[in-house]
Amino acid sequence: MIGKSSRAAFAKLQEYARKSEVFKPGKGGSGNHSEEWSGVIFRLCDEHLTCNIERIQEILPVPATTPVPGAKPWILGLANVRGSLMTVIDLCWFLTGKRSQISARSRLLATGSPKAPLGLLIDDVYGQRHFLESDSGASMLSAESPLQNLVPKQYTAGTECWHEFDLNQLFNLTEFDNGAAT
């Protein structure tokens, strides 16, 4: 026989389950849009970057790749990720012309371009962080930075500064879209 307190506790759990099903991050209880968003924070080419977590499907250790004949050198190849093929791109090599040094901290940000699943090789993932639009400002990257056109703004909190990496801008670059070697 279930006691009164057990039924009340179970009813409370059901209420929490109903609320969690309709909860949307970035929305306040009143339904107003919040200025908060979540990003994956990482290092690439000695820059501290963030990318909206909604654009990242998964963070993976660097898998073995099979080279693609006739591809540009920054396309490391194809990887089999749970039975699906993913194009692996050395993002630093693409941006700077210098190959990344793959280490135990290197990771792939699994994302998707409009054409295919991609794994973007980065140097290190630090985790997840919440950002407020009120902490943003114009990007302060130098004009010579290869990230200049891919980072529209930066977020500052105390002594930390994170540049927002725009995947849409990356995917719209003609050179990125055409991986065939010349």
Protein backbone atom coordinates (compact mmCIF):
# COMPACT_ATOMS: atom_id res chain seq x y z
CA MET A 1 0.00 0.00 0.00
CA ILE A 2 1.36 3.38 -1.03
CA GLY A 3 1.28 6.05 1.65
CA LYS A 4 -0.01 9.58 1.24
CA SER A 5 3.49 11.09 1.27
CA SER A 6 4.68 8.65 -1.42
CA ARG A 7 1.78 9.66 -3.69
CA ALA A 8 2.52 13.34 -3.11
CA ALA A 9 6.18 12.82 -3.95
CA PHE A 10 5.27 10.88 -7.09
CA ALA A 11 2.83 13.62 -8.15
CA LYS A 12 5.60 16.21 -7.67
CA LEU A 13 7.94 14.16 -9.89
CA GLN A 14 5.25 14.00 -12.57
CA GLU A 15 4.86 17.78 -12.37
CA TYR A 16 8.63 18.24 -12.83
CA ALA A 17 8.56 15.88 -15.82
CA ARG A 18 5.74 17.90 -17.47
CA LYS A 19 7.62 21.16 -16.90
CA SER A 20 10.88 19.76 -18.28
CA GLU A 21 9.15 18.65 -21.48
CA VAL A 22 8.13 22.23 -22.35
CA PHE A 23 11.23 24.00 -21.00
CA LYS A 24 13.38 25.72 -23.61
CA PRO A 25 16.84 27.03 -22.62
CA GLY A 26 17.16 30.78 -23.05
CA LYS A 27 13.50 31.35 -22.22
CA GLY A 28 12.37 32.90 -18.98
CA GLY A 29 9.40 31.59 -17.07
CA SER A 30 7.21 34.30 -18.63
CA GLY A 31 8.11 33.19 -22.17
CA ASN A 32 10.29 36.26 -22.83
CA HIS A 33 13.52 35.69 -24.72
CA SER A 34 16.54 35.67 -22.46
CA GLU A 35 19.86 37.16 -23.43
CA GLU A 36 21.67 34.03 -22.21
CA TRP A 37 23.04 31.36 -24.54
CA SER A 38 25.33 28.36 -24.11
CA GLY A 39 28.55 27.74 -25.96
CA VAL A 40 31.24 25.11 -26.25
CA ILE A 41 34.51 26.79 -25.29
CA PHE A 42 37.70 25.65 -26.98
CA ARG A 43 41.17 26.58 -28.18
CA LEU A 44 42.14 26.86 -31.84
CA CYS A 45 45.38 28.36 -33.15
CA ASP A 46 46.13 29.86 -29.71
CA GLU A 47 42.77 31.69 -29.61
CA HIS A 48 40.04 31.07 -27.06
CA LEU A 49 36.79 30.58 -28.93
CA THR A 50 33.19 29.67 -28.31
CA CYS A 51 30.56 28.27 -30.62
CA ASN A 52 26.85 28.01 -29.95
CA ILE A 53 26.27 24.58 -28.42
CA GLU A 54 23.19 24.08 -30.60
CA ARG A 55 25.49 23.88 -33.65
CA ILE A 56 27.65 21.12 -32.17
CA GLN A 57 26.28 17.61 -32.35
CA GLU A 58 29.08 15.93 -30.46
CA ILE A 59 32.64 16.36 -29.23
CA LEU A 60 34.82 13.42 -30.24
CA PRO A 61 38.37 12.19 -29.73
CA VAL A 62 40.27 12.34 -33.01
CA PRO A 63 39.45 9.14 -34.96
CA ALA A 64 41.53 7.41 -37.60
CA THR A 65 40.94 8.89 -41.03
CA THR A 66 41.22 7.62 -44.57
CA PRO A 67 42.76 10.18 -46.93
CA VAL A 68 40.68 11.43 -49.84
CA PRO A 69 42.61 11.51 -53.14
CA GLY A 70 42.47 14.89 -54.83
CA ALA A 71 41.41 16.78 -51.68
CA LYS A 72 43.12 19.84 -50.27
CA PRO A 73 45.68 18.97 -47.58
CA TRP A 74 43.64 20.48 -44.72
CA ILE A 75 40.99 17.83 -45.37
CA LEU A 76 42.50 15.04 -43.28
CA GLY A 77 40.12 12.47 -44.72
CA LEU A 78 37.00 10.53 -43.91
CA ALA A 79 36.30 8.92 -40.56
CA ASN A 80 33.80 6.21 -39.74
CA VAL A 81 31.81 7.49 -36.77
CA ARG A 82 29.33 4.84 -35.66
CA GLY A 83 28.76 3.69 -39.23
CA SER A 84 28.46 7.15 -40.80
CA LEU A 85 31.14 8.89 -42.82
CA MET A 86 32.36 12.23 -41.53
CA THR A 87 34.75 14.58 -43.33
CA VAL A 88 37.57 15.56 -40.94
CA ILE A 89 38.99 19.04 -41.40
CA ASP A 90 42.09 20.49 -39.73
CA LEU A 91 40.56 23.88 -39.02
CA CYS A 92 43.81 25.55 -37.99
CA TRP A 93 45.52 24.28 -41.16
CA PHE A 94 42.67 25.63 -43.27
CA LEU A 95 42.85 29.04 -41.59
CA THR A 96 46.61 29.51 -41.17
CA GLY A 97 48.31 27.05 -43.52
CA LYS A 98 49.97 25.38 -40.51
CA ARG A 99 49.07 21.81 -39.64
CA SER A 100 47.70 21.17 -36.14
CA GLN A 101 49.77 19.13 -33.75
CA ILE A 102 47.38 16.35 -32.74
CA SER A 103 47.69 15.55 -29.05
CA ALA A 104 45.71 13.74 -26.37
CA ARG A 105 43.75 17.01 -25.86
CA SER A 106 42.81 17.42 -29.54
CA ARG A 107 39.14 16.92 -30.35
CA LEU A 108 36.67 17.03 -33.20
CA LEU A 109 33.65 19.29 -33.04
CA ALA A 110 31.07 17.24 -34.91
CA THR A 111 28.78 19.55 -36.80
CA GLY A 112 27.04 19.64 -40.10
CA SER A 113 27.45 21.93 -43.04
CA PRO A 114 24.50 22.23 -45.40
CA LYS A 115 26.13 19.44 -47.46
CA ALA A 116 27.56 16.83 -45.09
CA PRO A 117 28.62 15.90 -41.55
CA LEU A 118 31.93 17.51 -40.59
CA GLY A 119 34.45 17.00 -37.84
CA LEU A 120 36.43 20.17 -37.17
CA LEU A 121 39.80 19.41 -35.57
CA ILE A 122 40.54 21.80 -32.70
CA ASP A 123 43.37 21.93 -30.18
CA ASP A 124 41.48 21.62 -26.90
CA VAL A 125 37.95 21.71 -25.46
CA TYR A 126 37.50 23.39 -22.11
CA GLY A 127 33.82 22.62 -21.63
CA GLN A 128 30.59 24.57 -21.77
CA ARG A 129 29.88 28.10 -20.67
CA HIS A 130 26.83 30.35 -20.50
CA PHE A 131 27.13 33.81 -22.02
CA LEU A 132 25.06 36.96 -21.71
CA GLU A 133 24.55 39.24 -24.69
CA SER A 134 25.21 42.17 -22.34
CA ASP A 135 28.81 40.89 -21.94
CA SER A 136 29.46 41.01 -25.70
CA GLY A 137 31.38 43.55 -27.71
CA ALA A 138 32.94 43.89 -31.11
CA SER A 139 35.70 41.42 -31.86
CA MET A 140 39.13 42.75 -30.89
CA LEU A 141 41.12 40.34 -33.06
CA SER A 142 43.95 41.89 -35.01
CA ALA A 143 43.33 42.69 -38.66
CA GLU A 144 45.92 40.01 -39.57
CA SER A 145 44.13 37.25 -37.66
CA PRO A 146 42.91 34.42 -39.92
CA LEU A 147 39.80 34.34 -37.72
CA GLN A 148 38.95 38.01 -38.37
CA ASN A 149 35.97 37.36 -40.69
CA LEU A 150 34.73 34.37 -38.69
CA VAL A 151 34.47 36.07 -35.28
CA PRO A 152 31.80 38.79 -35.18
CA LYS A 153 32.02 39.48 -31.45
CA GLN A 154 33.64 38.54 -28.20
CA TYR A 155 32.41 37.99 -24.67
CA THR A 156 34.31 39.22 -21.64
CA ALA A 157 33.80 38.03 -18.07
CA GLY A 158 36.44 39.20 -15.61
CA THR A 159 39.83 38.44 -17.12
CA GLU A 160 38.48 35.86 -19.60
CA CYS A 161 37.71 36.71 -23.20
CA TRP A 162 35.99 34.30 -25.59
CA HIS A 163 35.61 35.02 -29.31
CA GLU A 164 32.36 33.77 -30.85
CA PHE A 165 33.22 31.55 -33.82
CA ASP A 166 30.52 31.75 -36.51
CA LEU A 167 30.11 28.40 -38.28
CA ASN A 168 27.75 29.92 -40.86
CA GLN A 169 30.49 32.30 -41.97
CA LEU A 170 32.93 29.38 -42.22
CA PHE A 171 30.53 27.30 -44.30
CA ASN A 172 29.91 30.25 -46.63
CA LEU A 173 33.59 30.65 -47.51
CA THR A 174 34.09 29.58 -51.12
CA GLU A 175 37.50 28.05 -50.36
CA PHE A 176 36.06 26.01 -47.48
CA ASP A 177 33.19 24.81 -49.62
CA ASN A 178 35.54 23.64 -52.38
CA GLY A 179 37.92 21.06 -50.93
CA ALA A 180 39.24 19.86 -54.28
CA ALA A 181 42.99 20.31 -54.72
CA THR A 182 44.03 22.54 -57.58
